[in-house]
């Protein structure tokens, strides 16, 4: 029930912004354009950060990359809580659990990963990044 109300509220907000963006007064259009611009900037910045961390992961800087991904997930989850989006929070929790699993695998081996294990972890990390990108693009 609460989820439905939240979704309805979000749809209304998006609808109002879209209406104002195309049909509103000049001040409403400007306000809507600013909101859309800020949302695009947030998505782009989040994706750029995740992409740079993937590159670090590829270079073998696992702990640093995973720590920054964790920070990004925490920021996204904080934003989801601000706008009261439980579905987004759940998605972030799922991604965070997968990130923790990767971190545990790295910690268990204490830097003694075989090439096959490195490839597997890299694939898992790439899949995590793809899923995070999809989640960010949906918002």
C-alpha atoms as a PDB file:
ATOM      1  CA  UNK A   1       0.000   0.000   0.000  1.00  0.00           C
ATOM      2  CA  UNK A   2       2.697   2.462   1.008  1.00  0.00           C
ATOM      3  CA  UNK A   3       4.745   1.461  -2.018  1.00  0.00           C
ATOM      4  CA  UNK A   4       1.801   2.218  -4.282  1.00  0.00           C
ATOM      5  CA  UNK A   5       1.335   5.641  -2.700  1.00  0.00           C
ATOM      6  CA  UNK A   6       5.043   6.393  -3.082  1.00  0.00           C
ATOM      7  CA  UNK A   7       5.036   5.268  -6.709  1.00  0.00           C
ATOM      8  CA  UNK A   8       1.941   7.328  -7.398  1.00  0.00           C
ATOM      9  CA  UNK A   9       3.586  10.338  -5.759  1.00  0.00           C
ATOM     10  CA  UNK A  10       6.731   9.888  -7.852  1.00  0.00           C
ATOM     11  CA  UNK A  11       4.661   9.533 -11.017  1.00  0.00           C
ATOM     12  CA  UNK A  12       2.814  12.729 -10.147  1.00  0.00           C
ATOM     13  CA  UNK A  13       6.054  14.613  -9.520  1.00  0.00           C
ATOM     14  CA  UNK A  14       7.562  13.375 -12.785  1.00  0.00           C
ATOM     15  CA  UNK A  15       4.305  14.210 -14.568  1.00  0.00           C
ATOM     16  CA  UNK A  16       4.254  17.733 -13.186  1.00  0.00           C
ATOM     17  CA  UNK A  17       7.889  18.288 -14.097  1.00  0.00           C
ATOM     18  CA  UNK A  18       7.299  16.938 -17.611  1.00  0.00           C
ATOM     19  CA  UNK A  19       4.166  19.050 -18.062  1.00  0.00           C
ATOM     20  CA  UNK A  20       5.938  22.182 -16.852  1.00  0.00           C
ATOM     21  CA  UNK A  21       8.974  21.358 -18.988  1.00  0.00           C
ATOM     22  CA  UNK A  22       6.900  21.351 -22.180  1.00  0.00           C
ATOM     23  CA  UNK A  23       3.769  23.402 -21.452  1.00  0.00           C
ATOM     24  CA  UNK A  24       4.491  25.540 -18.386  1.00  0.00           C
ATOM     25  CA  UNK A  25       5.112  29.224 -18.049  1.00  0.00           C
ATOM     26  CA  UNK A  26       8.656  30.425 -18.738  1.00  0.00           C
ATOM     27  CA  UNK A  27       9.547  30.294 -15.025  1.00  0.00           C
ATOM     28  CA  UNK A  28       8.049  26.785 -14.691  1.00  0.00           C
ATOM     29  CA  UNK A  29       9.973  25.649 -17.756  1.00  0.00           C
ATOM     30  CA  UNK A  30      13.194  27.046 -16.327  1.00  0.00           C
ATOM     31  CA  UNK A  31      12.585  25.320 -12.999  1.00  0.00           C
ATOM     32  CA  UNK A  32      11.815  22.002 -14.705  1.00  0.00           C
ATOM     33  CA  UNK A  33      14.907  22.321 -16.910  1.00  0.00           C
ATOM     34  CA  UNK A  34      17.054  22.835 -13.809  1.00  0.00           C
ATOM     35  CA  UNK A  35      15.584  19.737 -12.157  1.00  0.00           C
ATOM     36  CA  UNK A  36      16.119  17.625 -15.282  1.00  0.00           C
ATOM     37  CA  UNK A  37      19.650  18.975 -15.672  1.00  0.00           C
ATOM     38  CA  UNK A  38      20.539  18.155 -12.060  1.00  0.00           C
ATOM     39  CA  UNK A  39      19.112  14.648 -12.397  1.00  0.00           C
ATOM     40  CA  UNK A  40      21.176  14.078 -15.559  1.00  0.00           C
ATOM     41  CA  UNK A  41      24.285  15.400 -13.807  1.00  0.00           C
ATOM     42  CA  UNK A  42      23.746  13.029 -10.879  1.00  0.00           C
ATOM     43  CA  UNK A  43      23.325  10.040 -13.188  1.00  0.00           C
ATOM     44  CA  UNK A  44      26.372  11.011 -15.273  1.00  0.00           C
ATOM     45  CA  UNK A  45      28.570  11.634 -12.230  1.00  0.00           C
ATOM     46  CA  UNK A  46      27.540   8.341 -10.628  1.00  0.00           C
ATOM     47  CA  UNK A  47      28.205   6.423 -13.825  1.00  0.00           C
ATOM     48  CA  UNK A  48      31.596   8.125 -14.364  1.00  0.00           C
ATOM     49  CA  UNK A  49      32.638   7.242 -10.829  1.00  0.00           C
ATOM     50  CA  UNK A  50      31.588   3.621 -11.213  1.00  0.00           C
ATOM     51  CA  UNK A  51      33.359   3.398 -14.580  1.00  0.00           C
ATOM     52  CA  UNK A  52      36.614   4.767 -13.140  1.00  0.00           C
ATOM     53  CA  UNK A  53      36.412   2.298 -10.277  1.00  0.00           C
ATOM     54  CA  UNK A  54      35.915  -0.552 -12.734  1.00  0.00           C
ATOM     55  CA  UNK A  55      39.132   0.524 -14.464  1.00  0.00           C
ATOM     56  CA  UNK A  56      40.955   0.466 -11.118  1.00  0.00           C
ATOM     57  CA  UNK A  57      39.537  -2.987 -10.444  1.00  0.00           C
ATOM     58  CA  UNK A  58      40.841  -4.124 -13.830  1.00  0.00           C
ATOM     59  CA  UNK A  59      44.284  -2.867 -12.793  1.00  0.00           C
ATOM     60  CA  UNK A  60      44.165  -4.970  -9.633  1.00  0.00           C
ATOM     61  CA  UNK A  61      43.301  -2.235  -7.148  1.00  0.00           C
ATOM     62  CA  UNK A  62      40.458  -4.303  -5.725  1.00  0.00           C
ATOM     63  CA  UNK A  63      40.115  -2.917  -2.219  1.00  0.00           C
ATOM     64  CA  UNK A  64      40.209   0.719  -3.287  1.00  0.00           C
ATOM     65  CA  UNK A  65      37.725   0.173  -6.117  1.00  0.00           C
ATOM     66  CA  UNK A  66      35.315  -1.775  -3.921  1.00  0.00           C
ATOM     67  CA  UNK A  67      35.527   0.853  -1.168  1.00  0.00           C
ATOM     68  CA  UNK A  68      34.612   3.629  -3.584  1.00  0.00           C
ATOM     69  CA  UNK A  69      31.797   1.563  -5.067  1.00  0.00           C
ATOM     70  CA  UNK A  70      30.540   1.038  -1.518  1.00  0.00           C
ATOM     71  CA  UNK A  71      30.592   4.802  -0.934  1.00  0.00           C
ATOM     72  CA  UNK A  72      28.684   5.379  -4.167  1.00  0.00           C
ATOM     73  CA  UNK A  73      26.065   2.794  -3.203  1.00  0.00           C
ATOM     74  CA  UNK A  74      25.696   4.464   0.205  1.00  0.00           C
ATOM     75  CA  UNK A  75      25.148   7.847  -1.471  1.00  0.00           C
ATOM     76  CA  UNK A  76      22.563   6.402  -3.845  1.00  0.00           C
ATOM     77  CA  UNK A  77      20.829   4.644  -0.957  1.00  0.00           C
ATOM     78  CA  UNK A  78      20.843   7.884   1.044  1.00  0.00           C
ATOM     79  CA  UNK A  79      19.278   9.669  -1.909  1.00  0.00           C
ATOM     80  CA  UNK A  80      16.684   6.885  -2.231  1.00  0.00           C
ATOM     81  CA  UNK A  81      15.786   7.332   1.437  1.00  0.00           C
ATOM     82  CA  UNK A  82      15.517  11.102   0.951  1.00  0.00           C
ATOM     83  CA  UNK A  83      12.976  10.638  -1.821  1.00  0.00           C
ATOM     84  CA  UNK A  84      11.453   7.661   0.010  1.00  0.00           C
ATOM     85  CA  UNK A  85      12.022   5.149  -2.803  1.00  0.00           C
ATOM     86  CA  UNK A  86      11.981   1.695  -1.197  1.00  0.00           C
ATOM     87  CA  UNK A  87      12.444  -0.116  -4.517  1.00  0.00           C
ATOM     88  CA  UNK A  88      15.678   1.782  -5.186  1.00  0.00           C
ATOM     89  CA  UNK A  89      16.867   1.095  -1.634  1.00  0.00           C
ATOM     90  CA  UNK A  90      16.193  -2.610  -2.147  1.00  0.00           C
ATOM     91  CA  UNK A  91      18.129  -2.597  -5.430  1.00  0.00           C
ATOM     92  CA  UNK A  92      21.079  -0.877  -3.756  1.00  0.00           C
ATOM     93  CA  UNK A  93      20.955  -3.401  -0.878  1.00  0.00           C
ATOM     94  CA  UNK A  94      21.105  -6.245  -3.397  1.00  0.00           C
ATOM     95  CA  UNK A  95      24.065  -4.679  -5.208  1.00  0.00           C
ATOM     96  CA  UNK A  96      25.796  -3.980  -1.896  1.00  0.00           C
ATOM     97  CA  UNK A  97      25.420  -7.643  -0.893  1.00  0.00           C
ATOM     98  CA  UNK A  98      27.069  -8.700  -4.145  1.00  0.00           C
ATOM     99  CA  UNK A  99      29.867  -6.178  -3.553  1.00  0.00           C
ATOM    100  CA  UNK A 100      30.385  -7.606  -0.054  1.00  0.00           C
ATOM    101  CA  UNK A 101      30.594 -11.140  -1.510  1.00  0.00           C
ATOM    102  CA  UNK A 102      33.325 -10.020  -3.911  1.00  0.00           C
ATOM    103  CA  UNK A 103      35.151  -8.276  -1.050  1.00  0.00           C
ATOM    104  CA  UNK A 104      34.972 -11.431   1.078  1.00  0.00           C
ATOM    105  CA  UNK A 105      36.431 -13.537  -1.731  1.00  0.00           C
ATOM    106  CA  UNK A 106      39.324 -11.106  -2.049  1.00  0.00           C
ATOM    107  CA  UNK A 107      39.891 -10.962   1.720  1.00  0.00           C
ATOM    108  CA  UNK A 108      39.776 -14.769   2.063  1.00  0.00           C
ATOM    109  CA  UNK A 109      42.666 -15.155  -0.366  1.00  0.00           C
ATOM    110  CA  UNK A 110      44.680 -12.291   1.168  1.00  0.00           C
ATOM    111  CA  UNK A 111      46.208 -11.268  -2.155  1.00  0.00           C
ATOM    112  CA  UNK A 112      46.937 -14.841  -3.264  1.00  0.00           C
ATOM    113  CA  UNK A 113      44.419 -15.054  -6.096  1.00  0.00           C
ATOM    114  CA  UNK A 114      45.050 -17.398  -8.984  1.00  0.00           C
ATOM    115  CA  UNK A 115      44.589 -16.086 -12.519  1.00  0.00           C
ATOM    116  CA  UNK A 116      41.320 -17.995 -12.817  1.00  0.00           C
ATOM    117  CA  UNK A 117      40.040 -16.482  -9.557  1.00  0.00           C
ATOM    118  CA  UNK A 118      41.039 -13.015 -10.775  1.00  0.00           C
ATOM    119  CA  UNK A 119      39.117 -13.563 -14.008  1.00  0.00           C
ATOM    120  CA  UNK A 120      36.076 -14.775 -12.090  1.00  0.00           C
ATOM    121  CA  UNK A 121      36.169 -11.809  -9.719  1.00  0.00           C
ATOM    122  CA  UNK A 122      36.641  -9.435 -12.628  1.00  0.00           C
ATOM    123  CA  UNK A 123      33.558 -10.926 -14.351  1.00  0.00           C
ATOM    124  CA  UNK A 124      31.544 -10.646 -11.141  1.00  0.00           C
ATOM    125  CA  UNK A 125      32.653  -7.036 -10.707  1.00  0.00           C
ATOM    126  CA  UNK A 126      31.796  -6.220 -14.340  1.00  0.00           C
ATOM    127  CA  UNK A 127      28.339  -7.741 -13.869  1.00  0.00           C
ATOM    128  CA  UNK A 128      27.915  -5.716 -10.682  1.00  0.00           C
ATOM    129  CA  UNK A 129      28.863  -2.542 -12.574  1.00  0.00           C
ATOM    130  CA  UNK A 130      26.436  -3.366 -15.414  1.00  0.00           C
ATOM    131  CA  UNK A 131      23.615  -3.899 -12.947  1.00  0.00           C
ATOM    132  CA  UNK A 132      24.518  -0.674 -11.122  1.00  0.00           C
ATOM    133  CA  UNK A 133      24.495   1.182 -14.447  1.00  0.00           C
ATOM    134  CA  UNK A 134      21.031  -0.202 -15.263  1.00  0.00           C
ATOM    135  CA  UNK A 135      19.792   0.825 -11.833  1.00  0.00           C
ATOM    136  CA  UNK A 136      21.187   4.359 -12.227  1.00  0.00           C
ATOM    137  CA  UNK A 137      19.768   4.723 -15.729  1.00  0.00           C
ATOM    138  CA  UNK A 138      16.305   3.691 -14.506  1.00  0.00           C
ATOM    139  CA  UNK A 139      16.285   6.556 -12.014  1.00  0.00           C
END
